[in-house]
Amino acid sequence: HRILRDVWANEVVYVPQPFQAPTQLMTDERGRHVQTMEEYVAG
């Protein structure tokens, strides 16, 4: 049944998403970007 599960499976192609640092993904409750400490210090 493991062989047949793989043989008869639908084609699914995984497309990896580009890496984004966790600090780039940070948003506030309104969905806006949260300014990191490095961005604040650098202006």
All heavy atoms as atom14 arrays in JSON, in Angstrom:
{
  "sequence": "HRILRDVWANEVVYVPQPFQAPTQLMTDERGRHVQTMEEYVAG",
  "atom14_mask": [
    [1, 1, 1, 1, 1, 1, 1, 1, 1, 1, 0, 0, 0, 0],
    [1, 1, 1, 1, 1, 1, 1, 1, 1, 1, 1, 0, 0, 0],
    [1, 1, 1, 1, 1, 1, 1, 1, 0, 0, 0, 0, 0, 0],
    [1, 1, 1, 1, 1, 1, 1, 1, 0, 0, 0, 0, 0, 0],
    [1, 1, 1, 1, 1, 1, 1, 1, 1, 1, 1, 0, 0, 0],
    [1, 1, 1, 1, 1, 1, 1, 1, 0, 0, 0, 0, 0, 0],
    [1, 1, 1, 1, 1, 1, 1, 0, 0, 0, 0, 0, 0, 0],
    [1, 1, 1, 1, 1, 1, 1, 1, 1, 1, 1, 1, 1, 1],
    [1, 1, 1, 1, 1, 0, 0, 0, 0, 0, 0, 0, 0, 0],
    [1, 1, 1, 1, 1, 1, 1, 1, 0, 0, 0, 0, 0, 0],
    [1, 1, 1, 1, 1, 1, 1, 1, 1, 0, 0, 0, 0, 0],
    [1, 1, 1, 1, 1, 1, 1, 0, 0, 0, 0, 0, 0, 0],
    [1, 1, 1, 1, 1, 1, 1, 0, 0, 0, 0, 0, 0, 0],
    [1, 1, 1, 1, 1, 1, 1, 1, 1, 1, 1, 1, 0, 0],
    [1, 1, 1, 1, 1, 1, 1, 0, 0, 0, 0, 0, 0, 0],
    [1, 1, 1, 1, 1, 1, 1, 0, 0, 0, 0, 0, 0, 0],
    [1, 1, 1, 1, 1, 1, 1, 1, 1, 0, 0, 0, 0, 0],
    [1, 1, 1, 1, 1, 1, 1, 0, 0, 0, 0, 0, 0, 0],
    [1, 1, 1, 1, 1, 1, 1, 1, 1, 1, 1, 0, 0, 0],
    [1, 1, 1, 1, 1, 1, 1, 1, 1, 0, 0, 0, 0, 0],
    [1, 1, 1, 1, 1, 0, 0, 0, 0, 0, 0, 0, 0, 0],
    [1, 1, 1, 1, 1, 1, 1, 0, 0, 0, 0, 0, 0, 0],
    [1, 1, 1, 1, 1, 1, 1, 0, 0, 0, 0, 0, 0, 0],
    [1, 1, 1, 1, 1, 1, 1, 1, 1, 0, 0, 0, 0, 0],
    [1, 1, 1, 1, 1, 1, 1, 1, 0, 0, 0, 0, 0, 0],
    [1, 1, 1, 1, 1, 1, 1, 1, 0, 0, 0, 0, 0, 0],
    [1, 1, 1, 1, 1, 1, 1, 0, 0, 0, 0, 0, 0, 0],
    [1, 1, 1, 1, 1, 1, 1, 1, 0, 0, 0, 0, 0, 0],
    [1, 1, 1, 1, 1, 1, 1, 1, 1, 0, 0, 0, 0, 0],
    [1, 1, 1, 1, 1, 1, 1, 1, 1, 1, 1, 0, 0, 0],
    [1, 1, 1, 1, 0, 0, 0, 0, 0, 0, 0, 0, 0, 0],
    [1, 1, 1, 1, 1, 1, 1, 1, 1, 1, 1, 0, 0, 0],
    [1, 1, 1, 1, 1, 1, 1, 1, 1, 1, 0, 0, 0, 0],
    [1, 1, 1, 1, 1, 1, 1, 0, 0, 0, 0, 0, 0, 0],
    [1, 1, 1, 1, 1, 1, 1, 1, 1, 0, 0, 0, 0, 0],
    [1, 1, 1, 1, 1, 1, 1, 0, 0, 0, 0, 0, 0, 0],
    [1, 1, 1, 1, 1, 1, 1, 1, 0, 0, 0, 0, 0, 0],
    [1, 1, 1, 1, 1, 1, 1, 1, 1, 0, 0, 0, 0, 0],
    [1, 1, 1, 1, 1, 1, 1, 1, 1, 0, 0, 0, 0, 0],
    [1, 1, 1, 1, 1, 1, 1, 1, 1, 1, 1, 1, 0, 0],
    [1, 1, 1, 1, 1, 1, 1, 0, 0, 0, 0, 0, 0, 0],
    [1, 1, 1, 1, 1, 0, 0, 0, 0, 0, 0, 0, 0, 0],
    [1, 1, 1, 1, 0, 0, 0, 0, 0, 0, 0, 0, 0, 0]
  ],
  "atom14_positions": [
    [[0.83, -1.22, 0.0], [0.0, 0.0, 0.0], [0.85, 1.26, 0.0], [0.44, 2.3, -0.49], [-0.99, -0.02, 1.18], [-0.38, 0.25, 2.5], [0.24, -0.73, 3.24], [-0.28, 1.38, 3.22], [0.69, -0.22, 4.36], [0.39, 1.06, 4.37], [0.0, 0.0, 0.0], [0.0, 0.0, 0.0], [0.0, 0.0, 0.0], [0.0, 0.0, 0.0]],
    [[2.07, 1.2, 0.54], [2.96, 2.36, 0.48], [3.45, 2.61, -0.93], [3.57, 3.75, -1.37], [4.14, 2.16, 1.42], [3.73, 2.12, 2.87], [4.88, 1.7, 3.75], [4.41, 1.36, 5.06], [4.46, 2.17, 6.11], [4.97, 3.36, 5.98], [4.01, 1.79, 7.28], [0.0, 0.0, 0.0], [0.0, 0.0, 0.0], [0.0, 0.0, 0.0]],
    [[3.73, 1.52, -1.65], [4.15, 1.67, -3.05], [3.01, 2.28, -3.87], [3.22, 3.24, -4.63], [4.56, 0.3, -3.64], [5.84, -0.19, -2.98], [4.74, 0.39, -5.15], [6.21, -1.61, -3.36], [0.0, 0.0, 0.0], [0.0, 0.0, 0.0], [0.0, 0.0, 0.0], [0.0, 0.0, 0.0], [0.0, 0.0, 0.0], [0.0, 0.0, 0.0]],
    [[1.81, 1.74, -3.7], [0.67, 2.24, -4.49], [0.29, 3.66, -4.11], [-0.15, 4.43, -4.96], [-0.53, 1.31, -4.32], [-0.36, -0.08, -4.94], [-1.66, -0.85, -4.84], [0.11, -0.01, -6.36], [0.0, 0.0, 0.0], [0.0, 0.0, 0.0], [0.0, 0.0, 0.0], [0.0, 0.0, 0.0], [0.0, 0.0, 0.0], [0.0, 0.0, 0.0]],
    [[0.48, 4.03, -2.85], [0.2, 5.41, -2.45], [1.09, 6.39, -3.22], [0.64, 7.43, -3.68], [0.41, 5.56, -0.94], [0.13, 6.97, -0.44], [0.38, 7.07, 1.03], [1.76, 6.7, 1.32], [2.19, 6.34, 2.52], [1.36, 6.27, 3.52], [3.45, 6.04, 2.71], [0.0, 0.0, 0.0], [0.0, 0.0, 0.0], [0.0, 0.0, 0.0]],
    [[2.37, 6.03, -3.37], [3.29, 6.9, -4.11], [3.05, 6.84, -5.62], [3.15, 7.85, -6.31], [4.74, 6.53, -3.81], [5.13, 6.88, -2.38], [4.45, 7.73, -1.78], [6.12, 6.31, -1.88], [0.0, 0.0, 0.0], [0.0, 0.0, 0.0], [0.0, 0.0, 0.0], [0.0, 0.0, 0.0], [0.0, 0.0, 0.0], [0.0, 0.0, 0.0]],
    [[2.74, 5.66, -6.13], [2.53, 5.51, -7.58], [1.27, 6.25, -8.02], [1.26, 6.91, -9.05], [2.45, 4.01, -7.96], [1.91, 3.84, -9.36], [3.81, 3.36, -7.83], [0.0, 0.0, 0.0], [0.0, 0.0, 0.0], [0.0, 0.0, 0.0], [0.0, 0.0, 0.0], [0.0, 0.0, 0.0], [0.0, 0.0, 0.0], [0.0, 0.0, 0.0]],
    [[0.21, 6.2, -7.23], [-1.07, 6.79, -7.63], [-1.28, 8.19, -7.06], [-2.37, 8.75, -7.17], [-2.22, 5.88, -7.23], [-2.28, 4.68, -8.11], [-1.71, 3.48, -7.89], [-2.9, 4.59, -9.39], [-1.94, 2.63, -8.94], [-2.68, 3.29, -9.88], [-3.62, 5.49, -10.17], [-3.15, 2.86, -11.1], [-4.1, 5.04, -11.4], [-3.86, 3.75, -11.85]],
    [[-0.27, 8.79, -6.47], [-0.42, 10.13, -5.89], [-0.54, 11.18, -6.99], [0.01, 11.04, -8.08], [0.79, 10.45, -5.02], [0.0, 0.0, 0.0], [0.0, 0.0, 0.0], [0.0, 0.0, 0.0], [0.0, 0.0, 0.0], [0.0, 0.0, 0.0], [0.0, 0.0, 0.0], [0.0, 0.0, 0.0], [0.0, 0.0, 0.0], [0.0, 0.0, 0.0]],
    [[-1.29, 12.23, -6.68], [-1.36, 13.37, -7.58], [-0.02, 14.09, -7.57], [0.72, 14.06, -6.59], [-2.45, 14.35, -7.14], [-3.82, 13.89, -7.53], [-4.0, 13.16, -8.49], [-4.81, 14.31, -6.78], [0.0, 0.0, 0.0], [0.0, 0.0, 0.0], [0.0, 0.0, 0.0], [0.0, 0.0, 0.0], [0.0, 0.0, 0.0], [0.0, 0.0, 0.0]],
    [[0.28, 14.77, -8.66], [1.53, 15.5, -8.74], [1.42, 16.78, -7.9], [0.54, 17.61, -8.11], [1.84, 15.87, -10.18], [3.13, 16.64, -10.32], [3.44, 16.97, -11.76], [2.51, 17.14, -12.54], [4.62, 17.05, -12.08], [0.0, 0.0, 0.0], [0.0, 0.0, 0.0], [0.0, 0.0, 0.0], [0.0, 0.0, 0.0], [0.0, 0.0, 0.0]],
    [[2.31, 16.9, -6.96], [2.39, 18.1, -6.14], [3.83, 18.55, -6.17], [4.73, 17.79, -5.82], [1.94, 17.82, -4.69], [2.09, 19.06, -3.84], [0.51, 17.34, -4.66], [0.0, 0.0, 0.0], [0.0, 0.0, 0.0], [0.0, 0.0, 0.0], [0.0, 0.0, 0.0], [0.0, 0.0, 0.0], [0.0, 0.0, 0.0], [0.0, 0.0, 0.0]],
    [[4.06, 19.76, -6.59], [5.41, 20.29, -6.67], [5.57, 21.34, -5.58], [4.8, 22.3, -5.51], [5.68, 20.91, -8.06], [7.09, 21.48, -8.13], [5.48, 19.87, -9.14], [0.0, 0.0, 0.0], [0.0, 0.0, 0.0], [0.0, 0.0, 0.0], [0.0, 0.0, 0.0], [0.0, 0.0, 0.0], [0.0, 0.0, 0.0], [0.0, 0.0, 0.0]],
    [[6.55, 21.14, -4.72], [6.82, 22.08, -3.64], [7.73, 23.18, -4.16], [8.8, 22.9, -4.7], [7.48, 21.37, -2.46], [7.97, 22.31, -1.4], [7.06, 22.97, -0.58], [9.31, 22.55, -1.22], [7.49, 23.83, 0.39], [9.76, 23.41, -0.25], [8.84, 24.06, 0.56], [9.28, 24.92, 1.52], [0.0, 0.0, 0.0], [0.0, 0.0, 0.0]],
    [[7.3, 24.41, -4.01], [8.1, 25.55, -4.42], [8.51, 26.29, -3.16], [7.67, 26.89, -2.48], [7.32, 26.49, -5.36], [8.17, 27.69, -5.74], [6.84, 25.74, -6.58], [0.0, 0.0, 0.0], [0.0, 0.0, 0.0], [0.0, 0.0, 0.0], [0.0, 0.0, 0.0], [0.0, 0.0, 0.0], [0.0, 0.0, 0.0], [0.0, 0.0, 0.0]],
    [[9.79, 26.25, -2.8], [10.2, 26.9, -1.56], [10.09, 28.41, -1.66], [10.33, 29.0, -2.72], [11.65, 26.45, -1.38], [12.11, 26.07, -2.74], [10.9, 25.59, -3.48], [0.0, 0.0, 0.0], [0.0, 0.0, 0.0], [0.0, 0.0, 0.0], [0.0, 0.0, 0.0], [0.0, 0.0, 0.0], [0.0, 0.0, 0.0], [0.0, 0.0, 0.0]],
    [[9.7, 29.01, -0.57], [9.6, 30.47, -0.52], [10.96, 31.05, -0.18], [11.74, 30.43, 0.55], [8.58, 30.88, 0.54], [7.19, 30.36, 0.26], [6.64, 30.92, -1.04], [6.77, 32.09, -1.34], [6.05, 30.04, -1.84], [0.0, 0.0, 0.0], [0.0, 0.0, 0.0], [0.0, 0.0, 0.0], [0.0, 0.0, 0.0], [0.0, 0.0, 0.0]],
    [[11.28, 32.24, -0.69], [12.58, 32.84, -0.35], [12.65, 33.14, 1.15], [11.65, 33.46, 1.79], [12.61, 34.12, -1.17], [11.23, 34.36, -1.62], [10.51, 33.07, -1.58], [0.0, 0.0, 0.0], [0.0, 0.0, 0.0], [0.0, 0.0, 0.0], [0.0, 0.0, 0.0], [0.0, 0.0, 0.0], [0.0, 0.0, 0.0], [0.0, 0.0, 0.0]],
    [[13.84, 33.0, 1.7], [14.04, 33.21, 3.12], [13.9, 34.7, 3.44], [14.44, 35.56, 2.76], [15.43, 32.73, 3.55], [15.73, 33.04, 4.97], [15.16, 32.3, 5.99], [16.57, 34.08, 5.31], [15.42, 32.58, 7.31], [16.84, 34.38, 6.63], [16.27, 33.62, 7.64], [0.0, 0.0, 0.0], [0.0, 0.0, 0.0], [0.0, 0.0, 0.0]],
    [[13.17, 34.97, 4.48], [13.09, 36.32, 5.02], [13.42, 36.24, 6.5], [12.94, 35.34, 7.2], [11.7, 36.92, 4.85], [11.38, 37.27, 3.42], [10.03, 37.97, 3.32], [9.21, 37.89, 4.22], [9.82, 38.66, 2.22], [0.0, 0.0, 0.0], [0.0, 0.0, 0.0], [0.0, 0.0, 0.0], [0.0, 0.0, 0.0], [0.0, 0.0, 0.0]],
    [[14.24, 37.16, 6.96], [14.61, 37.17, 8.37], [13.35, 37.4, 9.21], [12.43, 38.1, 8.78], [15.62, 38.27, 8.63], [0.0, 0.0, 0.0], [0.0, 0.0, 0.0], [0.0, 0.0, 0.0], [0.0, 0.0, 0.0], [0.0, 0.0, 0.0], [0.0, 0.0, 0.0], [0.0, 0.0, 0.0], [0.0, 0.0, 0.0], [0.0, 0.0, 0.0]],
    [[13.29, 36.83, 10.41], [12.11, 37.01, 11.26], [11.81, 38.47, 11.56], [10.65, 38.85, 11.71], [12.47, 36.25, 12.53], [13.49, 35.26, 12.11], [14.23, 35.89, 10.98], [0.0, 0.0, 0.0], [0.0, 0.0, 0.0], [0.0, 0.0, 0.0], [0.0, 0.0, 0.0], [0.0, 0.0, 0.0], [0.0, 0.0, 0.0], [0.0, 0.0, 0.0]],
    [[12.84, 39.31, 11.6], [12.58, 40.73, 11.87], [11.89, 41.41, 10.71], [11.2, 42.4, 10.89], [13.9, 41.47, 12.19], [14.81, 41.27, 11.11], [14.51, 40.95, 13.47], [0.0, 0.0, 0.0], [0.0, 0.0, 0.0], [0.0, 0.0, 0.0], [0.0, 0.0, 0.0], [0.0, 0.0, 0.0], [0.0, 0.0, 0.0], [0.0, 0.0, 0.0]],
    [[12.04, 40.89, 9.5], [11.35, 41.46, 8.35], [9.88, 41.06, 8.33], [9.07, 41.69, 7.68], [12.0, 41.03, 7.05], [13.39, 41.59, 6.83], [14.02, 41.05, 5.57], [13.56, 40.06, 5.02], [15.08, 41.7, 5.12], [0.0, 0.0, 0.0], [0.0, 0.0, 0.0], [0.0, 0.0, 0.0], [0.0, 0.0, 0.0], [0.0, 0.0, 0.0]],
    [[9.55, 39.99, 9.01], [8.18, 39.5, 9.03], [7.36, 40.1, 10.18], [6.16, 39.85, 10.26], [8.17, 37.97, 9.15], [8.87, 37.22, 8.02], [8.92, 35.75, 8.33], [8.14, 37.47, 6.72], [0.0, 0.0, 0.0], [0.0, 0.0, 0.0], [0.0, 0.0, 0.0], [0.0, 0.0, 0.0], [0.0, 0.0, 0.0], [0.0, 0.0, 0.0]],
    [[8.0, 40.85, 11.06], [7.3, 41.39, 12.23], [6.35, 42.51, 11.82], [6.74, 43.46, 11.13], [8.31, 41.93, 13.25], [9.15, 40.85, 13.85], [10.37, 41.33, 15.08], [10.27, 43.05, 15.27], [0.0, 0.0, 0.0], [0.0, 0.0, 0.0], [0.0, 0.0, 0.0], [0.0, 0.0, 0.0], [0.0, 0.0, 0.0], [0.0, 0.0, 0.0]],
    [[5.09, 42.4, 12.22], [4.11, 43.43, 11.97], [3.34, 43.7, 13.25], [3.27, 42.87, 14.15], [3.11, 42.99, 10.87], [2.49, 41.79, 11.28], [3.81, 42.8, 9.54], [0.0, 0.0, 0.0], [0.0, 0.0, 0.0], [0.0, 0.0, 0.0], [0.0, 0.0, 0.0], [0.0, 0.0, 0.0], [0.0, 0.0, 0.0], [0.0, 0.0, 0.0]],
    [[2.74, 44.9, 13.31], [1.91, 45.21, 14.47], [0.48, 44.73, 14.21], [0.2, 44.04, 13.22], [1.96, 46.71, 14.79], [1.41, 47.57, 13.66], [0.91, 47.01, 12.66], [1.47, 48.81, 13.78], [0.0, 0.0, 0.0], [0.0, 0.0, 0.0], [0.0, 0.0, 0.0], [0.0, 0.0, 0.0], [0.0, 0.0, 0.0], [0.0, 0.0, 0.0]],
    [[-0.46, 45.11, 15.1], [-1.83, 44.62, 14.96], [-2.53, 45.14, 13.71], [-3.52, 44.57, 13.26], [-2.65, 44.97, 16.21], [-2.78, 46.44, 16.49], [-1.62, 47.02, 17.3], [-0.75, 46.27, 17.75], [-1.59, 48.24, 17.45], [0.0, 0.0, 0.0], [0.0, 0.0, 0.0], [0.0, 0.0, 0.0], [0.0, 0.0, 0.0], [0.0, 0.0, 0.0]],
    [[-2.03, 46.22, 13.11], [-2.63, 46.76, 11.88], [-1.95, 46.23, 10.62], [-2.32, 46.62, 9.51], [-2.55, 48.28, 11.89], [-3.39, 48.9, 12.97], [-3.33, 50.4, 12.89], [-4.07, 50.97, 14.01], [-3.95, 52.2, 14.41], [-3.12, 53.02, 13.79], [-4.65, 52.64, 15.42], [0.0, 0.0, 0.0], [0.0, 0.0, 0.0], [0.0, 0.0, 0.0]],
    [[-0.96, 45.37, 10.78], [-0.27, 44.81, 9.63], [0.88, 45.64, 9.12], [1.45, 45.34, 8.09], [0.0, 0.0, 0.0], [0.0, 0.0, 0.0], [0.0, 0.0, 0.0], [0.0, 0.0, 0.0], [0.0, 0.0, 0.0], [0.0, 0.0, 0.0], [0.0, 0.0, 0.0], [0.0, 0.0, 0.0], [0.0, 0.0, 0.0], [0.0, 0.0, 0.0]],
    [[1.26, 46.7, 9.86], [2.39, 47.53, 9.44], [3.69, 46.96, 9.99], [3.71, 46.28, 11.0], [2.22, 48.96, 9.95], [1.04, 49.67, 9.32], [0.93, 51.06, 9.84], [0.79, 50.98, 11.31], [0.53, 52.0, 12.09], [0.38, 53.2, 11.58], [0.41, 51.85, 13.38], [0.0, 0.0, 0.0], [0.0, 0.0, 0.0], [0.0, 0.0, 0.0]],
    [[4.77, 47.28, 9.31], [6.1, 46.81, 9.71], [6.48, 47.4, 11.06], [6.29, 48.58, 11.31], [7.12, 47.24, 8.64], [8.53, 46.91, 9.0], [9.0, 45.63, 8.99], [9.56, 47.69, 9.39], [10.27, 45.63, 9.35], [10.64, 46.88, 9.59], [0.0, 0.0, 0.0], [0.0, 0.0, 0.0], [0.0, 0.0, 0.0], [0.0, 0.0, 0.0]],
    [[7.03, 46.56, 11.93], [7.51, 47.01, 13.23], [8.98, 47.37, 13.07], [9.78, 46.59, 12.58], [7.35, 45.9, 14.29], [7.98, 46.32, 15.61], [5.89, 45.56, 14.48], [0.0, 0.0, 0.0], [0.0, 0.0, 0.0], [0.0, 0.0, 0.0], [0.0, 0.0, 0.0], [0.0, 0.0, 0.0], [0.0, 0.0, 0.0], [0.0, 0.0, 0.0]],
    [[9.32, 48.55, 13.49], [10.69, 49.03, 13.35], [11.58, 48.31, 14.35], [11.3, 48.25, 15.54], [10.74, 50.54, 13.6], [12.07, 51.16, 13.27], [12.03, 52.66, 13.42], [11.17, 53.2, 14.1], [12.95, 53.34, 12.79], [0.0, 0.0, 0.0], [0.0, 0.0, 0.0], [0.0, 0.0, 0.0], [0.0, 0.0, 0.0], [0.0, 0.0, 0.0]],
    [[12.68, 47.73, 13.84], [13.61, 47.03, 14.7], [14.56, 48.01, 15.35], [14.65, 49.18, 14.96], [14.41, 45.98, 13.9], [15.19, 46.68, 12.92], [13.5, 44.98, 13.25], [0.0, 0.0, 0.0], [0.0, 0.0, 0.0], [0.0, 0.0, 0.0], [0.0, 0.0, 0.0], [0.0, 0.0, 0.0], [0.0, 0.0, 0.0], [0.0, 0.0, 0.0]],
    [[15.3, 47.54, 16.35], [16.26, 48.4, 17.03], [17.34, 48.88, 16.08], [17.76, 50.04, 16.14], [16.9, 47.63, 18.21], [17.86, 48.47, 19.03], [17.09, 49.89, 19.81], [16.29, 49.11, 21.17], [0.0, 0.0, 0.0], [0.0, 0.0, 0.0], [0.0, 0.0, 0.0], [0.0, 0.0, 0.0], [0.0, 0.0, 0.0], [0.0, 0.0, 0.0]],
    [[17.79, 48.01, 15.17], [18.82, 48.41, 14.21], [18.31, 49.52, 13.29], [19.04, 50.47, 12.97], [19.27, 47.22, 13.37], [20.07, 46.19, 14.12], [19.34, 44.88, 14.22], [18.26, 44.74, 13.61], [19.85, 44.0, 14.92], [0.0, 0.0, 0.0], [0.0, 0.0, 0.0], [0.0, 0.0, 0.0], [0.0, 0.0, 0.0], [0.0, 0.0, 0.0]],
    [[17.05, 49.41, 12.84], [16.48, 50.46, 11.98], [16.33, 51.76, 12.75], [16.57, 52.84, 12.22], [15.13, 50.01, 11.44], [15.21, 48.88, 10.45], [13.84, 48.32, 10.1], [12.85, 48.64, 10.79], [13.77, 47.56, 9.12], [0.0, 0.0, 0.0], [0.0, 0.0, 0.0], [0.0, 0.0, 0.0], [0.0, 0.0, 0.0], [0.0, 0.0, 0.0]],
    [[15.94, 51.68, 14.01], [15.76, 52.89, 14.83], [17.09, 53.6, 15.04], [17.2, 54.82, 14.9], [15.13, 52.51, 16.17], [14.96, 53.68, 17.09], [13.94, 54.6, 16.88], [15.82, 53.88, 18.16], [13.77, 55.69, 17.72], [15.68, 54.96, 19.0], [14.65, 55.87, 18.78], [14.49, 56.94, 19.61], [0.0, 0.0, 0.0], [0.0, 0.0, 0.0]],
    [[18.14, 52.86, 15.37], [19.45, 53.45, 15.62], [20.02, 54.02, 14.33], [20.62, 55.09, 14.32], [20.4, 52.4, 16.24], [21.83, 52.91, 16.29], [19.92, 52.0, 17.62], [0.0, 0.0, 0.0], [0.0, 0.0, 0.0], [0.0, 0.0, 0.0], [0.0, 0.0, 0.0], [0.0, 0.0, 0.0], [0.0, 0.0, 0.0], [0.0, 0.0, 0.0]],
    [[19.83, 53.32, 13.22], [20.37, 53.79, 11.95], [19.54, 54.93, 11.37], [19.96, 55.56, 10.41], [20.43, 52.64, 10.96], [0.0, 0.0, 0.0], [0.0, 0.0, 0.0], [0.0, 0.0, 0.0], [0.0, 0.0, 0.0], [0.0, 0.0, 0.0], [0.0, 0.0, 0.0], [0.0, 0.0, 0.0], [0.0, 0.0, 0.0], [0.0, 0.0, 0.0]],
    [[18.38, 55.18, 11.93], [17.53, 56.25, 11.42], [16.73, 55.85, 10.21], [16.17, 56.7, 9.53], [0.0, 0.0, 0.0], [0.0, 0.0, 0.0], [0.0, 0.0, 0.0], [0.0, 0.0, 0.0], [0.0, 0.0, 0.0], [0.0, 0.0, 0.0], [0.0, 0.0, 0.0], [0.0, 0.0, 0.0], [0.0, 0.0, 0.0], [0.0, 0.0, 0.0]]
  ]
}
